[in-house]
Amino acid sequence: MSTINIMIAVDVETAQSTASGTTITQGLYMIDTTGYEGTAEAGNELNTPCDAGDVPVWTIYPINPSDNIAITGFTGQCVNDGIFQNLEQQKTPAGVDYWTCVINEGTASAKYQYSLNISMSGKTYSYDPFFTVTAN
């Protein structure tokens, strides 16, 4: 079981001005600690490789520190199919919000999509990256 840290940096002005309805299309950059080659790291559609039992940890930050941004929840295939177990919001000792879960041990090897629900300046948007799970 490994912890996979996923950091999300958002240019709030660009993300909001270019959104397609409530779906973010630009200005959001995701990176993870898997060191995986071939993923769209720091671009759109991050695909995080993981094993069943791994623990992803998501944090989000605005590029402009005066902007307000937060992950408010998750939806999509990973939630609906039970891939994410014990999904919860927590705080670091320094007060930084983050979300974590465990990748279900019973998950089949496959690529799964999920949606991040993100609040920016009082409006809610979504973004839909992937996990590629290797079953143990």
C-alpha atoms as a PDB file:
ATOM      1  CA  MET A   1       0.000   0.000   0.000  1.00  0.00           C
ATOM      2  CA  SER A   2       1.433   3.343  -1.098  1.00  0.00           C
ATOM      3  CA  THR A   3       0.344   6.917  -0.581  1.00  0.00           C
ATOM      4  CA  ILE A   4      -0.079   8.807  -3.845  1.00  0.00           C
ATOM      5  CA  ASN A   5      -0.087  12.580  -3.417  1.00  0.00           C
ATOM      6  CA  ILE A   6      -1.994  14.481  -6.109  1.00  0.00           C
ATOM      7  CA  MET A   7      -1.530  18.244  -6.232  1.00  0.00           C
ATOM      8  CA  ILE A   8      -3.925  20.404  -8.225  1.00  0.00           C
ATOM      9  CA  ALA A   9      -2.902  23.946  -9.171  1.00  0.00           C
ATOM     10  CA  VAL A  10      -5.589  26.159 -10.677  1.00  0.00           C
ATOM     11  CA  ASP A  11      -5.459  29.463 -12.514  1.00  0.00           C
ATOM     12  CA  VAL A  12      -8.935  30.417 -11.293  1.00  0.00           C
ATOM     13  CA  GLU A  13      -9.475  33.273 -13.768  1.00  0.00           C
ATOM     14  CA  THR A  14      -8.593  31.097 -16.780  1.00  0.00           C
ATOM     15  CA  ALA A  15     -10.527  28.079 -15.460  1.00  0.00           C
ATOM     16  CA  GLN A  16     -13.687  30.111 -14.958  1.00  0.00           C
ATOM     17  CA  SER A  17     -13.487  32.171 -18.154  1.00  0.00           C
ATOM     18  CA  THR A  18     -12.882  29.145 -20.407  1.00  0.00           C
ATOM     19  CA  ALA A  19     -15.166  26.618 -18.677  1.00  0.00           C
ATOM     20  CA  SER A  20     -17.694  24.779 -20.790  1.00  0.00           C
ATOM     21  CA  GLY A  21     -20.722  25.314 -18.582  1.00  0.00           C
ATOM     22  CA  THR A  22     -19.495  23.995 -15.237  1.00  0.00           C
ATOM     23  CA  THR A  23     -16.732  21.775 -16.679  1.00  0.00           C
ATOM     24  CA  ILE A  24     -13.164  23.063 -16.433  1.00  0.00           C
ATOM     25  CA  THR A  25     -11.384  22.876 -19.794  1.00  0.00           C
ATOM     26  CA  GLN A  26      -8.254  24.985 -19.181  1.00  0.00           C
ATOM     27  CA  GLY A  27      -6.219  26.442 -16.337  1.00  0.00           C
ATOM     28  CA  LEU A  28      -6.123  23.315 -14.143  1.00  0.00           C
ATOM     29  CA  TYR A  29      -2.833  21.426 -13.698  1.00  0.00           C
ATOM     30  CA  MET A  30      -2.534  18.097 -11.868  1.00  0.00           C
ATOM     31  CA  ILE A  31       0.625  16.243 -10.870  1.00  0.00           C
ATOM     32  CA  ASP A  32       1.093  13.138  -8.768  1.00  0.00           C
ATOM     33  CA  THR A  33       3.951  11.361  -7.023  1.00  0.00           C
ATOM     34  CA  THR A  34       3.869   8.173  -9.099  1.00  0.00           C
ATOM     35  CA  GLY A  35       6.612   9.285 -11.472  1.00  0.00           C
ATOM     36  CA  TYR A  36       4.628   7.588 -14.232  1.00  0.00           C
ATOM     37  CA  GLU A  37       5.789   8.262 -17.780  1.00  0.00           C
ATOM     38  CA  GLY A  38       3.101   8.696 -20.418  1.00  0.00           C
ATOM     39  CA  THR A  39       0.450  10.385 -18.280  1.00  0.00           C
ATOM     40  CA  ALA A  40      -0.803  13.887 -18.986  1.00  0.00           C
ATOM     41  CA  GLU A  41       0.889  15.133 -15.826  1.00  0.00           C
ATOM     42  CA  ALA A  42       0.633  18.906 -15.362  1.00  0.00           C
ATOM     43  CA  GLY A  43      -1.751  18.989 -18.293  1.00  0.00           C
ATOM     44  CA  ASN A  44      -5.319  17.975 -18.815  1.00  0.00           C
ATOM     45  CA  GLU A  45      -6.646  14.464 -18.054  1.00  0.00           C
ATOM     46  CA  LEU A  46      -4.173  13.193 -15.473  1.00  0.00           C
ATOM     47  CA  ASN A  47      -4.137   9.389 -15.428  1.00  0.00           C
ATOM     48  CA  THR A  48      -2.754   8.194 -12.074  1.00  0.00           C
ATOM     49  CA  PRO A  49      -1.526   4.594 -11.967  1.00  0.00           C
ATOM     50  CA  CYS A  50      -2.140   2.797  -8.679  1.00  0.00           C
ATOM     51  CA  ASP A  51      -2.571  -0.582  -7.032  1.00  0.00           C
ATOM     52  CA  ALA A  52      -5.624  -1.764  -5.155  1.00  0.00           C
ATOM     53  CA  GLY A  53      -5.042  -0.729  -1.527  1.00  0.00           C
ATOM     54  CA  ASP A  54      -3.154   2.479  -2.369  1.00  0.00           C
ATOM     55  CA  VAL A  55      -4.149   5.738  -0.666  1.00  0.00           C
ATOM     56  CA  PRO A  56      -4.538   8.799  -2.902  1.00  0.00           C
ATOM     57  CA  VAL A  57      -4.343  12.222  -1.230  1.00  0.00           C
ATOM     58  CA  TRP A  58      -5.617  15.283  -3.124  1.00  0.00           C
ATOM     59  CA  THR A  59      -4.720  18.906  -2.334  1.00  0.00           C
ATOM     60  CA  ILE A  60      -5.743  21.949  -4.361  1.00  0.00           C
ATOM     61  CA  TYR A  61      -4.158  25.402  -4.549  1.00  0.00           C
ATOM     62  CA  PRO A  62      -4.935  28.553  -6.523  1.00  0.00           C
ATOM     63  CA  ILE A  63      -2.007  29.905  -8.535  1.00  0.00           C
ATOM     64  CA  ASN A  64      -3.054  33.393  -7.365  1.00  0.00           C
ATOM     65  CA  PRO A  65      -3.021  33.093  -3.556  1.00  0.00           C
ATOM     66  CA  SER A  66      -5.834  35.645  -3.183  1.00  0.00           C
ATOM     67  CA  ASP A  67      -8.309  33.373  -5.022  1.00  0.00           C
ATOM     68  CA  ASN A  68     -10.613  31.061  -3.071  1.00  0.00           C
ATOM     69  CA  ILE A  69     -10.706  27.418  -4.133  1.00  0.00           C
ATOM     70  CA  ALA A  70     -11.613  24.091  -2.535  1.00  0.00           C
ATOM     71  CA  ILE A  71     -12.432  20.512  -3.438  1.00  0.00           C
ATOM     72  CA  THR A  72     -16.027  20.006  -2.293  1.00  0.00           C
ATOM     73  CA  GLY A  73     -16.481  16.352  -3.227  1.00  0.00           C
ATOM     74  CA  PHE A  74     -16.173  13.589  -5.794  1.00  0.00           C
ATOM     75  CA  THR A  75     -18.579  11.947  -8.224  1.00  0.00           C
ATOM     76  CA  GLY A  76     -18.347   9.609 -11.172  1.00  0.00           C
ATOM     77  CA  GLN A  77     -17.327   6.045 -11.868  1.00  0.00           C
ATOM     78  CA  CYS A  78     -14.801   5.712  -9.003  1.00  0.00           C
ATOM     79  CA  VAL A  79     -17.496   6.732  -6.507  1.00  0.00           C
ATOM     80  CA  ASN A  80     -20.414   4.914  -8.153  1.00  0.00           C
ATOM     81  CA  ASP A  81     -18.505   1.632  -8.612  1.00  0.00           C
ATOM     82  CA  GLY A  82     -16.974   1.676  -5.106  1.00  0.00           C
ATOM     83  CA  ILE A  83     -13.379   2.106  -6.325  1.00  0.00           C
ATOM     84  CA  PHE A  84     -12.897   4.891  -3.741  1.00  0.00           C
ATOM     85  CA  GLN A  85     -13.431   3.544  -0.215  1.00  0.00           C
ATOM     86  CA  ASN A  86     -13.541   5.720   2.930  1.00  0.00           C
ATOM     87  CA  LEU A  87     -13.489   8.948   0.904  1.00  0.00           C
ATOM     88  CA  GLU A  88     -13.195  11.852   3.322  1.00  0.00           C
ATOM     89  CA  GLN A  89     -12.000  15.399   3.759  1.00  0.00           C
ATOM     90  CA  GLN A  90      -9.325  16.062   6.382  1.00  0.00           C
ATOM     91  CA  LYS A  91      -6.998  18.842   7.535  1.00  0.00           C
ATOM     92  CA  THR A  92      -3.243  18.866   8.017  1.00  0.00           C
ATOM     93  CA  PRO A  93      -1.910  20.129  11.373  1.00  0.00           C
ATOM     94  CA  ALA A  94      -1.295  23.439   9.555  1.00  0.00           C
ATOM     95  CA  GLY A  95      -4.985  23.655   8.600  1.00  0.00           C
ATOM     96  CA  VAL A  96      -4.696  22.781   4.892  1.00  0.00           C
ATOM     97  CA  ASP A  97      -7.717  20.865   3.573  1.00  0.00           C
ATOM     98  CA  TYR A  98      -7.131  17.636   1.689  1.00  0.00           C
ATOM     99  CA  TRP A  99      -9.157  14.611   0.584  1.00  0.00           C
ATOM    100  CA  THR A 100      -8.161  10.979   0.874  1.00  0.00           C
ATOM    101  CA  CYS A 101      -9.522   7.487   0.286  1.00  0.00           C
ATOM    102  CA  VAL A 102      -8.371   3.910  -0.207  1.00  0.00           C
ATOM    103  CA  ILE A 103      -8.504   2.193  -3.587  1.00  0.00           C
ATOM    104  CA  ASN A 104     -10.829  -0.776  -3.042  1.00  0.00           C
ATOM    105  CA  GLU A 105      -8.930  -4.071  -2.685  1.00  0.00           C
ATOM    106  CA  GLY A 106     -11.653  -5.772  -4.766  1.00  0.00           C
ATOM    107  CA  THR A 107     -11.129  -3.461  -7.744  1.00  0.00           C
ATOM    108  CA  ALA A 108     -10.453  -5.088 -11.108  1.00  0.00           C
ATOM    109  CA  SER A 109      -7.474  -3.956 -13.178  1.00  0.00           C
ATOM    110  CA  ALA A 110      -8.843  -1.209 -15.428  1.00  0.00           C
ATOM    111  CA  LYS A 111      -8.957   2.537 -16.136  1.00  0.00           C
ATOM    112  CA  TYR A 112     -11.577   4.415 -14.078  1.00  0.00           C
ATOM    113  CA  GLN A 113     -12.767   8.019 -14.378  1.00  0.00           C
ATOM    114  CA  TYR A 114     -13.841  10.303 -11.540  1.00  0.00           C
ATOM    115  CA  SER A 115     -14.936  13.908 -11.225  1.00  0.00           C
ATOM    116  CA  LEU A 116     -13.592  16.448  -8.782  1.00  0.00           C
ATOM    117  CA  ASN A 117     -16.156  18.993  -7.613  1.00  0.00           C
ATOM    118  CA  ILE A 118     -14.332  22.275  -7.166  1.00  0.00           C
ATOM    119  CA  SER A 119     -15.623  25.506  -5.650  1.00  0.00           C
ATOM    120  CA  MET A 120     -14.025  28.656  -7.084  1.00  0.00           C
ATOM    121  CA  SER A 121     -15.189  32.124  -6.104  1.00  0.00           C
ATOM    122  CA  GLY A 122     -18.539  30.770  -4.918  1.00  0.00           C
ATOM    123  CA  LYS A 123     -19.297  28.721  -8.055  1.00  0.00           C
ATOM    124  CA  THR A 124     -18.998  24.934  -8.454  1.00  0.00           C
ATOM    125  CA  TYR A 125     -17.138  23.336 -11.349  1.00  0.00           C
ATOM    126  CA  SER A 126     -16.006  19.813 -12.209  1.00  0.00           C
ATOM    127  CA  TYR A 127     -12.963  18.157 -13.709  1.00  0.00           C
ATOM    128  CA  ASP A 128     -12.608  14.506 -14.664  1.00  0.00           C
ATOM    129  CA  PRO A 129      -9.212  12.757 -14.461  1.00  0.00           C
ATOM    130  CA  PHE A 130      -8.550   8.989 -14.270  1.00  0.00           C
ATOM    131  CA  PHE A 131      -7.025   6.220 -12.177  1.00  0.00           C
ATOM    132  CA  THR A 132      -5.561   3.104 -13.791  1.00  0.00           C
ATOM    133  CA  VAL A 133      -5.760   0.382 -11.159  1.00  0.00           C
ATOM    134  CA  THR A 134      -3.671  -2.745 -11.019  1.00  0.00           C
ATOM    135  CA  ALA A 135      -5.448  -5.370  -8.895  1.00  0.00           C
ATOM    136  CA  ASN A 136      -3.315  -7.182  -6.314  1.00  0.00           C
END
